[in-house]
Protein backbone atom coordinates (compact mmCIF):
# COMPACT_ATOMS: atom_id res chain seq x y z
CA MET A 1 -16.29 -8.78 13.11
CA ILE A 2 -12.69 -9.96 12.93
CA ASP A 3 -12.40 -13.71 13.41
CA ALA A 4 -9.38 -15.97 13.80
CA ALA A 5 -9.84 -17.44 10.34
CA THR A 6 -9.59 -14.01 8.69
CA VAL A 7 -6.50 -13.12 10.71
CA ARG A 8 -4.82 -16.38 9.72
CA LYS A 9 -5.80 -15.90 6.07
CA CYS A 10 -4.20 -12.46 6.03
CA GLU A 11 -1.06 -13.66 7.81
CA ASP A 12 -0.64 -16.51 5.34
CA ALA A 13 -1.18 -14.10 2.45
CA ALA A 14 1.53 -11.81 3.84
CA LYS A 15 4.02 -14.69 3.84
CA ARG A 16 3.29 -15.47 0.21
CA ILE A 17 3.47 -11.80 -0.79
CA ARG A 18 6.94 -11.44 0.76
CA ARG A 19 8.15 -14.50 -1.12
CA HIS A 20 6.75 -13.10 -4.38
CA ILE A 21 8.47 -9.77 -3.73
CA LEU A 22 11.84 -11.50 -3.48
CA ASP A 23 11.22 -13.67 -6.52
CA MET A 24 10.05 -10.75 -8.66
CA THR A 25 13.03 -8.60 -7.69
CA TYR A 26 15.54 -11.37 -8.40
CA LYS A 27 13.97 -12.18 -11.78
CA ALA A 28 13.95 -8.49 -12.70
CA GLY A 29 17.75 -8.67 -12.77
CA ASN A 30 19.61 -5.40 -13.18
CA ALA A 31 16.32 -3.53 -13.59
CA GLY A 32 15.92 -3.86 -9.83
CA ALA A 33 12.88 -2.88 -7.78
CA HIS A 34 11.76 -0.86 -4.77
CA LEU A 35 12.28 -3.56 -2.16
CA GLY A 36 12.38 -1.76 1.18
CA GLY A 37 9.17 0.23 0.93
CA SER A 38 7.31 -2.70 -0.61
CA LEU A 39 8.28 -5.05 2.22
CA SER A 40 7.10 -2.49 4.79
CA MET A 41 3.61 -2.46 3.23
CA VAL A 42 3.03 -6.22 3.01
CA GLU A 43 0.63 -6.62 5.94
CA LEU A 44 -1.25 -3.44 5.05
CA LEU A 45 -1.99 -4.76 1.55
CA ALA A 46 -2.50 -8.37 2.63
CA CYS A 47 -5.18 -7.36 5.13
CA LEU A 48 -6.99 -5.21 2.58
CA TYR A 49 -6.97 -7.63 -0.33
CA SER A 50 -7.39 -10.84 1.69
CA GLY A 51 -9.51 -9.51 4.51
CA CYS A 52 -11.99 -6.83 3.58
CA ILE A 53 -11.89 -5.44 0.05
CA ARG A 54 -15.17 -5.29 -1.91
CA PHE A 55 -14.24 -6.33 -5.43
CA ARG A 56 -15.58 -8.73 -8.04
CA PRO A 57 -12.80 -10.11 -10.30
CA GLU A 58 -15.45 -11.30 -12.73
CA GLU A 59 -16.96 -7.79 -12.84
CA PRO A 60 -14.03 -5.35 -12.51
CA ASP A 61 -16.18 -2.30 -13.31
CA TRP A 62 -18.75 -3.11 -10.60
CA ASN A 63 -19.84 0.32 -9.41
CA GLU A 64 -19.91 -0.58 -5.72
CA ARG A 65 -16.34 -1.90 -5.63
CA ASP A 66 -13.87 -0.39 -3.20
CA ARG A 67 -11.31 1.77 -4.97
CA VAL A 68 -7.60 1.43 -4.21
CA ILE A 69 -5.11 4.14 -5.16
CA LEU A 70 -1.43 3.40 -4.65
CA SER A 71 -0.16 6.96 -4.36
CA LYS A 72 3.12 5.41 -3.25
CA GLY A 73 3.35 3.93 -6.72
CA HIS A 74 6.85 2.52 -6.35
CA ALA A 75 5.41 -0.12 -3.99
CA ALA A 76 3.72 -1.86 -6.94
CA LEU A 77 6.06 -4.74 -6.17
CA ALA A 78 3.85 -5.48 -3.14
CA LEU A 79 0.57 -4.49 -4.77
CA TYR A 80 0.63 -7.06 -7.58
CA PRO A 81 1.04 -10.15 -5.31
CA ALA A 82 -1.71 -8.79 -3.05
CA MET A 83 -3.98 -8.59 -6.09
CA VAL A 84 -3.15 -12.22 -6.81
CA GLU A 85 -4.42 -13.11 -3.34
CA ALA A 86 -7.76 -11.45 -4.17
CA GLY A 87 -8.03 -13.28 -7.50
CA ILE A 88 -7.72 -10.08 -9.51
CA ILE A 89 -4.66 -11.16 -11.50
CA ARG A 90 -3.08 -14.57 -12.09
CA GLU A 91 0.00 -15.65 -10.17
CA GLU A 92 1.87 -16.61 -13.36
CA GLU A 93 1.77 -13.01 -14.50
CA LEU A 94 4.08 -11.99 -11.65
CA ASP A 95 6.97 -13.55 -13.60
CA THR A 96 6.55 -10.79 -16.21
CA PHE A 97 7.27 -7.96 -13.75
CA LYS A 98 9.22 -5.18 -15.53
CA LYS A 99 9.61 -7.29 -18.67
CA ASP A 100 9.03 -5.84 -22.14
CA GLY A 101 5.32 -5.82 -22.96
CA SER A 102 4.28 -6.67 -19.38
CA ARG A 103 1.25 -5.12 -17.71
CA LEU A 104 3.21 -5.15 -14.45
CA GLY A 105 5.47 -2.14 -14.53
CA GLY A 106 7.59 -0.73 -11.73
CA HIS A 107 4.68 1.64 -11.07
CA PRO A 108 0.98 0.87 -11.69
CA SER A 109 -0.30 2.07 -15.04
CA LEU A 110 -3.56 2.04 -16.96
CA ASN A 111 -2.69 -0.64 -19.49
CA GLY A 112 -5.59 -3.05 -19.27
CA LEU A 113 -4.85 -4.34 -15.77
CA GLN A 114 -8.08 -4.51 -13.81
CA GLY A 115 -8.05 -3.21 -10.27
CA ILE A 116 -5.84 -0.22 -11.13
CA GLU A 117 -7.93 2.94 -10.82
CA PHE A 118 -5.20 5.46 -11.66
CA ALA A 119 -1.62 5.36 -12.88
CA SER A 120 0.77 6.49 -10.16
CA GLY A 121 4.41 7.12 -9.50
CA SER A 122 4.73 10.89 -9.16
CA LEU A 123 4.36 11.30 -5.41
CA GLY A 124 1.82 13.57 -3.75
CA GLN A 125 -1.02 13.05 -6.21
CA GLY A 126 -2.93 10.04 -4.93
CA LEU A 127 -4.83 11.68 -2.09
CA SER A 128 -6.18 14.36 -4.44
CA LEU A 129 -7.32 11.61 -6.79
CA GLY A 130 -9.00 9.95 -3.81
CA VAL A 131 -10.86 13.15 -2.96
CA GLY A 132 -12.08 13.51 -6.54
CA THR A 133 -13.12 9.85 -6.66
CA CYS A 134 -15.15 10.20 -3.46
CA LEU A 135 -16.91 13.31 -4.75
CA ALA A 136 -17.82 11.52 -7.98
CA LEU A 137 -19.09 8.48 -6.10
CA GLN A 138 -21.25 10.60 -3.81
CA ARG A 139 -23.02 12.00 -6.86
CA ASN A 140 -23.58 8.64 -8.52
CA ASN A 141 -23.66 5.94 -5.84
CA ASN A 142 -25.67 6.17 -2.64
CA SER A 143 -23.88 3.15 -1.11
CA LYS A 144 -20.60 5.15 -0.93
CA PRO A 145 -17.97 2.46 -1.53
CA ARG A 146 -14.71 3.12 0.26
CA VAL A 147 -11.65 4.68 -1.34
CA PHE A 148 -8.29 3.54 0.08
CA VAL A 149 -5.24 5.69 -0.69
CA PHE A 150 -1.80 4.35 0.27
CA LEU A 151 0.92 6.94 0.90
CA GLY A 152 4.45 6.96 2.25
CA ASP A 153 5.52 9.13 5.17
CA GLY A 154 8.21 10.76 3.03
CA GLU A 155 5.54 11.50 0.45
CA CYS A 156 3.75 13.60 3.04
CA ASP A 157 6.45 16.23 2.57
CA GLU A 158 4.43 17.21 -0.51
CA GLY A 159 2.14 20.19 0.02
CA SER A 160 -0.48 18.68 -2.27
CA VAL A 161 -1.10 15.95 0.32
CA TRP A 162 -2.23 18.53 2.86
CA GLU A 163 -4.35 20.44 0.34
CA ALA A 164 -6.17 17.17 -0.35
CA ALA A 165 -6.46 16.46 3.38
CA ALA A 166 -8.13 19.83 3.94
CA SER A 167 -10.50 19.25 1.02
CA ALA A 168 -11.50 15.79 2.27
CA SER A 169 -12.49 17.20 5.64
CA HIS A 170 -14.29 20.18 4.11
CA TYR A 171 -16.45 17.92 1.93
CA GLY A 172 -17.08 15.38 4.70
CA LEU A 173 -15.64 12.44 2.77
CA ASP A 174 -16.22 9.75 5.37
CA GLN A 175 -15.60 6.93 2.87
CA LEU A 176 -12.02 8.10 2.24
CA VAL A 177 -9.22 6.17 4.00
CA ALA A 178 -5.62 7.36 3.85
CA VAL A 179 -3.16 4.63 4.86
CA VAL A 180 0.29 6.06 5.57
CA ASP A 181 3.24 3.66 5.55
CA MET A 182 5.40 5.22 8.27
CA ASN A 183 8.65 3.34 7.78
CA ALA A 184 10.70 6.47 8.67
CA ILE A 185 12.97 6.24 5.61
CA GLN A 186 12.63 7.83 2.20
CA TYR A 187 14.73 7.82 -0.97
CA ASP A 188 17.67 9.82 0.33
CA GLY A 189 17.67 9.17 4.07
CA TYR A 190 15.64 9.22 7.26
CA THR A 191 12.42 11.23 7.14
CA ASN A 192 13.09 13.11 10.38
CA ASP A 193 16.46 14.27 9.05
CA ILE A 194 15.04 15.43 5.73
CA LEU A 195 11.84 17.12 6.93
CA ALA A 196 10.56 16.34 10.42
CA MET A 197 6.74 16.15 10.51
CA ASP A 198 6.15 15.45 14.20
CA PRO A 199 3.63 15.55 15.76
CA PHE A 200 2.38 13.69 12.69
CA GLU A 201 -0.91 12.37 14.06
CA SER A 202 -1.90 15.79 15.36
CA LYS A 203 -1.53 17.28 11.89
CA TRP A 204 -4.14 14.89 10.47
CA LYS A 205 -6.47 15.60 13.38
CA ASP A 206 -6.03 19.35 12.93
CA PHE A 207 -7.08 18.92 9.29
CA GLY A 208 -10.31 17.32 10.51
CA TRP A 209 -9.51 13.62 10.12
CA GLU A 210 -10.13 10.74 12.47
CA THR A 211 -6.89 8.86 13.11
CA PHE A 212 -5.66 5.42 14.11
CA MET A 213 -1.98 5.00 15.05
CA ILE A 214 -1.22 1.29 14.61
CA ASP A 215 1.51 -1.29 14.29
CA GLY A 216 1.59 -1.73 10.53
CA HIS A 217 2.72 -5.34 10.84
CA ASN A 218 0.04 -6.41 13.32
CA THR A 219 -2.73 -8.07 11.35
CA GLU A 220 -5.44 -7.66 13.99
CA GLU A 221 -4.71 -3.96 14.48
CA ILE A 222 -4.81 -3.37 10.74
CA LEU A 223 -8.10 -5.22 10.29
CA ARG A 224 -9.70 -3.32 13.17
CA ALA A 225 -8.64 -0.02 11.63
CA TYR A 226 -9.99 -1.02 8.21
CA GLU A 227 -13.27 -2.12 9.80
CA HIS A 228 -13.88 1.26 11.44
CA ARG A 229 -16.35 3.66 9.86
CA GLY A 230 -17.05 7.08 11.29
CA ASP A 231 -18.33 10.43 10.07
CA LYS A 232 -14.94 11.84 9.06
CA PRO A 233 -12.20 10.84 6.61
CA LEU A 234 -9.94 8.28 8.26
CA ALA A 235 -6.13 8.36 8.44
CA ILE A 236 -4.51 5.06 9.38
CA LEU A 237 -0.95 5.87 10.44
CA ALA A 238 0.92 2.58 10.28
CA GLN A 239 4.28 2.38 12.01
CA THR A 240 6.33 -0.05 9.93
CA ILE A 241 9.87 -1.25 9.32
CA LYS A 242 11.44 -0.64 5.95
CA GLY A 243 12.63 -3.97 4.52
CA LYS A 244 10.51 -5.89 7.05
CA GLY A 245 11.24 -9.61 7.20
CA ILE A 246 14.81 -9.57 5.86
CA SER A 247 17.34 -8.72 8.57
CA PHE A 248 19.96 -7.09 6.35
CA MET A 249 17.32 -4.94 4.65
CA GLU A 250 15.47 -3.77 7.74
CA ASN A 251 15.84 -0.03 8.46
CA ASN A 252 18.47 0.15 5.72
CA TRP A 253 17.87 3.00 3.26
CA LYS A 254 20.22 1.33 0.73
CA TYR A 255 17.43 -1.16 -0.02
CA HIS A 256 14.97 1.53 -1.05
CA ASN A 257 15.58 0.54 -4.68
CA THR A 258 18.05 -2.17 -5.63
CA SER A 259 18.61 -5.45 -7.43
CA LEU A 260 19.40 -8.82 -5.86
CA ASN A 261 22.23 -11.08 -6.91
CA LYS A 262 21.96 -14.84 -6.40
CA GLU A 263 23.80 -14.77 -3.06
CA ARG A 264 21.64 -12.05 -1.53
CA TYR A 265 18.45 -13.58 -2.93
CA GLU A 266 19.21 -16.99 -1.41
CA GLU A 267 20.20 -15.39 1.91
CA ALA A 268 16.89 -13.48 2.04
CA LEU A 269 14.91 -16.52 1.00
CA LYS A 270 16.51 -18.60 3.73
CA GLU A 271 15.43 -16.05 6.33
CA LEU A 272 11.85 -16.03 5.09
CA GLU A 273 11.63 -19.82 5.05
CA ALA A 274 13.02 -19.97 8.58
CA GLY A 275 10.40 -17.50 9.75
CA ILE A 276 12.92 -14.93 10.96
């Protein structure tokens, strides 16, 4: 059941995650970061890590833990603060983002950081990893922990995504959850201009998935979708805004990957603090 306390907890976590995203990008200097697509995923990750994930920070290899695969690896900027909210990593470590010797790279990697199941960054691979993970879990764990795979809508141009989608349905992987961040913008422009995928929801259904089309910034809708368990793999298609929360970044493809100077950082911070 979704209660008011859980909704408020997730909403508060989302506010902190957005602030961390700005701070981490500014401190990264000229190295920059993938701002736009990280800001669009904030509520999706906040609700998972603060609302429903099964994970034991003191026992990171617990066999019944939920697995999270960030196929959209460039959104690590949002993932790391969400992991802080769940107690998986320490907040102070966020200051090391993209620094020499840091465990927090621009994409998640297998370098001793608990909670990272697979390194990612090359798009189109995460859903296949999710399928393989589910098959392995079915052989070794009767409780069938859930496997959450986060993808971008531009990433779904990759044929490997649909091969994995067909496999998941074929093998009846009802513990697999694909969460698609549908912010309508990818690296070099608007997704519909580059490769239109409409009707997007129908494609997932035709591949044998159950679907939820939701507002990806509405905490209650996200939590309800995460709570659902059926007898098919689940695709949560989250309509989001790239750069969400910062007016000059919203729906602006130029903020896909960028750095922030002091003026822009303070302008963005002022908007967040004002609740715009």
